[in-house]
């Protein structure tokens, strides 16, 4: 139990690193920081369940590999891995706190380029 709590604390601490290193302006419009209350809600109520679901979806993906890999559904840009592994992890770790639609690399949740 003690190891689990230490691991959970380390994961939550590491999730805070992107905010500490964020280089964004405080002006209005795209690229501005979210309000403090929205960042707090994201940190307390959205990130922890998102982390748990990311771990669970990764476990489901690994368990499904004996079926999905031979038929070719496990690899590629529009594969099962992209949707049930990459997307949850990107939502958990690749966006600024309080910002639910924009990712740091300005791509979609599945990692594809945004077409204008």
C-alpha atoms as a PDB file:
ATOM      1  CA  UNK A   1       0.000   0.000   0.000  1.00  0.00           C
ATOM      2  CA  UNK A   2       2.851   2.338   0.823  1.00  0.00           C
ATOM      3  CA  UNK A   3       4.515   1.746  -2.565  1.00  0.00           C
ATOM      4  CA  UNK A   4       1.197   2.416  -4.331  1.00  0.00           C
ATOM      5  CA  UNK A   5       0.727   5.722  -2.508  1.00  0.00           C
ATOM      6  CA  UNK A   6       4.299   6.798  -3.285  1.00  0.00           C
ATOM      7  CA  UNK A   7       3.805   5.924  -6.960  1.00  0.00           C
ATOM      8  CA  UNK A   8       0.512   7.820  -7.067  1.00  0.00           C
ATOM      9  CA  UNK A   9       2.087  10.867  -5.414  1.00  0.00           C
ATOM     10  CA  UNK A  10       4.987  10.794  -7.888  1.00  0.00           C
ATOM     11  CA  UNK A  11       2.596  10.558 -10.845  1.00  0.00           C
ATOM     12  CA  UNK A  12       0.529  13.514  -9.624  1.00  0.00           C
ATOM     13  CA  UNK A  13       3.703  15.518  -9.022  1.00  0.00           C
ATOM     14  CA  UNK A  14       4.963  14.771 -12.529  1.00  0.00           C
ATOM     15  CA  UNK A  15       1.630  15.849 -13.996  1.00  0.00           C
ATOM     16  CA  UNK A  16       2.290  19.302 -12.551  1.00  0.00           C
ATOM     17  CA  UNK A  17       5.576  19.712 -14.413  1.00  0.00           C
ATOM     18  CA  UNK A  18       4.037  21.007 -17.686  1.00  0.00           C
ATOM     19  CA  UNK A  19       2.391  23.915 -15.853  1.00  0.00           C
ATOM     20  CA  UNK A  20       5.617  24.869 -14.125  1.00  0.00           C
ATOM     21  CA  UNK A  21       7.441  24.942 -17.461  1.00  0.00           C
ATOM     22  CA  UNK A  22       4.639  26.604 -19.440  1.00  0.00           C
ATOM     23  CA  UNK A  23       5.687  29.651 -21.426  1.00  0.00           C
ATOM     24  CA  UNK A  24       2.375  31.230 -22.278  1.00  0.00           C
ATOM     25  CA  UNK A  25       1.238  34.822 -22.142  1.00  0.00           C
ATOM     26  CA  UNK A  26      -1.573  36.092 -19.935  1.00  0.00           C
ATOM     27  CA  UNK A  27      -3.374  37.959 -22.706  1.00  0.00           C
ATOM     28  CA  UNK A  28      -6.759  37.044 -24.104  1.00  0.00           C
ATOM     29  CA  UNK A  29      -7.221  34.675 -27.033  1.00  0.00           C
ATOM     30  CA  UNK A  30      -5.534  31.442 -28.017  1.00  0.00           C
ATOM     31  CA  UNK A  31      -2.409  30.694 -26.027  1.00  0.00           C
ATOM     32  CA  UNK A  32      -3.559  32.454 -22.857  1.00  0.00           C
ATOM     33  CA  UNK A  33      -3.699  30.723 -19.497  1.00  0.00           C
ATOM     34  CA  UNK A  34      -6.998  29.391 -18.225  1.00  0.00           C
ATOM     35  CA  UNK A  35      -8.589  30.958 -15.125  1.00  0.00           C
ATOM     36  CA  UNK A  36      -7.207  29.680 -11.827  1.00  0.00           C
ATOM     37  CA  UNK A  37     -10.447  28.015 -10.772  1.00  0.00           C
ATOM     38  CA  UNK A  38     -10.595  26.054 -14.026  1.00  0.00           C
ATOM     39  CA  UNK A  39      -6.981  24.959 -13.607  1.00  0.00           C
ATOM     40  CA  UNK A  40      -7.770  23.804 -10.059  1.00  0.00           C
ATOM     41  CA  UNK A  41     -10.812  21.806 -11.226  1.00  0.00           C
ATOM     42  CA  UNK A  42      -8.699  20.226 -13.944  1.00  0.00           C
ATOM     43  CA  UNK A  43      -5.934  19.314 -11.485  1.00  0.00           C
ATOM     44  CA  UNK A  44      -8.206  17.943  -8.741  1.00  0.00           C
ATOM     45  CA  UNK A  45     -11.179  16.420 -10.568  1.00  0.00           C
ATOM     46  CA  UNK A  46     -10.118  15.713 -14.170  1.00  0.00           C
ATOM     47  CA  UNK A  47      -6.452  14.641 -14.195  1.00  0.00           C
ATOM     48  CA  UNK A  48      -6.564  11.893 -11.520  1.00  0.00           C
ATOM     49  CA  UNK A  49      -9.481   9.964 -13.114  1.00  0.00           C
ATOM     50  CA  UNK A  50      -7.935  10.581 -16.514  1.00  0.00           C
ATOM     51  CA  UNK A  51      -4.670   9.038 -15.293  1.00  0.00           C
ATOM     52  CA  UNK A  52      -6.507   5.984 -13.937  1.00  0.00           C
ATOM     53  CA  UNK A  53      -8.464   5.565 -17.176  1.00  0.00           C
ATOM     54  CA  UNK A  54      -5.279   5.945 -19.231  1.00  0.00           C
ATOM     55  CA  UNK A  55      -3.660   3.134 -17.275  1.00  0.00           C
ATOM     56  CA  UNK A  56      -6.801   0.986 -17.625  1.00  0.00           C
ATOM     57  CA  UNK A  57      -7.050   1.582 -21.373  1.00  0.00           C
ATOM     58  CA  UNK A  58      -3.383   0.678 -21.795  1.00  0.00           C
ATOM     59  CA  UNK A  59      -4.024  -2.584 -19.928  1.00  0.00           C
ATOM     60  CA  UNK A  60      -7.016  -3.326 -22.191  1.00  0.00           C
ATOM     61  CA  UNK A  61      -4.869  -2.654 -25.250  1.00  0.00           C
ATOM     62  CA  UNK A  62      -2.118  -4.995 -24.035  1.00  0.00           C
ATOM     63  CA  UNK A  63      -4.687  -7.683 -23.227  1.00  0.00           C
ATOM     64  CA  UNK A  64      -6.208  -7.351 -26.710  1.00  0.00           C
ATOM     65  CA  UNK A  65      -2.875  -7.614 -28.562  1.00  0.00           C
ATOM     66  CA  UNK A  66      -3.149 -11.363 -29.247  1.00  0.00           C
ATOM     67  CA  UNK A  67      -6.308 -10.625 -31.262  1.00  0.00           C
ATOM     68  CA  UNK A  68      -5.638  -7.176 -32.719  1.00  0.00           C
ATOM     69  CA  UNK A  69      -1.998  -7.533 -33.763  1.00  0.00           C
ATOM     70  CA  UNK A  70      -2.419 -10.454 -36.193  1.00  0.00           C
ATOM     71  CA  UNK A  71      -5.277  -8.692 -38.014  1.00  0.00           C
ATOM     72  CA  UNK A  72      -3.354  -5.394 -38.212  1.00  0.00           C
ATOM     73  CA  UNK A  73      -5.626  -3.333 -35.982  1.00  0.00           C
ATOM     74  CA  UNK A  74      -2.960  -2.661 -33.337  1.00  0.00           C
ATOM     75  CA  UNK A  75      -0.534  -0.547 -35.355  1.00  0.00           C
ATOM     76  CA  UNK A  76      -0.758   2.393 -37.716  1.00  0.00           C
ATOM     77  CA  UNK A  77      -1.995   5.982 -37.598  1.00  0.00           C
ATOM     78  CA  UNK A  78      -5.687   5.053 -37.235  1.00  0.00           C
ATOM     79  CA  UNK A  79      -5.239   1.977 -35.111  1.00  0.00           C
ATOM     80  CA  UNK A  80      -6.709   0.764 -31.878  1.00  0.00           C
ATOM     81  CA  UNK A  81      -3.532   1.847 -30.073  1.00  0.00           C
ATOM     82  CA  UNK A  82      -3.949   5.420 -31.271  1.00  0.00           C
ATOM     83  CA  UNK A  83      -7.460   5.661 -29.897  1.00  0.00           C
ATOM     84  CA  UNK A  84      -7.304   3.708 -26.642  1.00  0.00           C
ATOM     85  CA  UNK A  85      -3.685   4.355 -25.627  1.00  0.00           C
ATOM     86  CA  UNK A  86      -2.367   7.551 -27.215  1.00  0.00           C
ATOM     87  CA  UNK A  87      -5.525   9.653 -26.945  1.00  0.00           C
ATOM     88  CA  UNK A  88      -6.116   9.121 -23.192  1.00  0.00           C
ATOM     89  CA  UNK A  89      -2.437   9.712 -22.405  1.00  0.00           C
ATOM     90  CA  UNK A  90      -2.402  12.875 -24.556  1.00  0.00           C
ATOM     91  CA  UNK A  91      -5.501  14.139 -22.743  1.00  0.00           C
ATOM     92  CA  UNK A  92      -3.865  13.434 -19.381  1.00  0.00           C
ATOM     93  CA  UNK A  93      -0.358  14.778 -20.021  1.00  0.00           C
ATOM     94  CA  UNK A  94      -0.153  16.858 -23.218  1.00  0.00           C
ATOM     95  CA  UNK A  95      -2.356  19.830 -22.497  1.00  0.00           C
ATOM     96  CA  UNK A  96      -2.141  22.830 -20.234  1.00  0.00           C
ATOM     97  CA  UNK A  97      -4.150  22.830 -17.016  1.00  0.00           C
ATOM     98  CA  UNK A  98      -7.655  24.155 -17.522  1.00  0.00           C
ATOM     99  CA  UNK A  99      -7.444  23.937 -21.312  1.00  0.00           C
ATOM    100  CA  UNK A 100      -9.497  20.999 -22.565  1.00  0.00           C
ATOM    101  CA  UNK A 101      -9.262  21.622 -26.305  1.00  0.00           C
ATOM    102  CA  UNK A 102      -5.724  22.794 -27.137  1.00  0.00           C
ATOM    103  CA  UNK A 103      -2.658  20.590 -26.841  1.00  0.00           C
ATOM    104  CA  UNK A 104       0.899  21.861 -26.420  1.00  0.00           C
ATOM    105  CA  UNK A 105       1.957  20.615 -29.857  1.00  0.00           C
ATOM    106  CA  UNK A 106      -1.169  22.096 -31.544  1.00  0.00           C
ATOM    107  CA  UNK A 107      -2.355  18.717 -32.856  1.00  0.00           C
ATOM    108  CA  UNK A 108      -5.596  16.812 -32.364  1.00  0.00           C
ATOM    109  CA  UNK A 109      -6.135  14.404 -29.488  1.00  0.00           C
ATOM    110  CA  UNK A 110      -4.957  11.525 -31.707  1.00  0.00           C
ATOM    111  CA  UNK A 111      -1.763  13.397 -32.644  1.00  0.00           C
ATOM    112  CA  UNK A 112      -2.724  14.297 -36.220  1.00  0.00           C
ATOM    113  CA  UNK A 113      -2.101  17.714 -37.749  1.00  0.00           C
ATOM    114  CA  UNK A 114      -4.980  20.157 -37.481  1.00  0.00           C
ATOM    115  CA  UNK A 115      -6.220  20.978 -40.963  1.00  0.00           C
ATOM    116  CA  UNK A 116      -7.435  24.536 -41.480  1.00  0.00           C
END
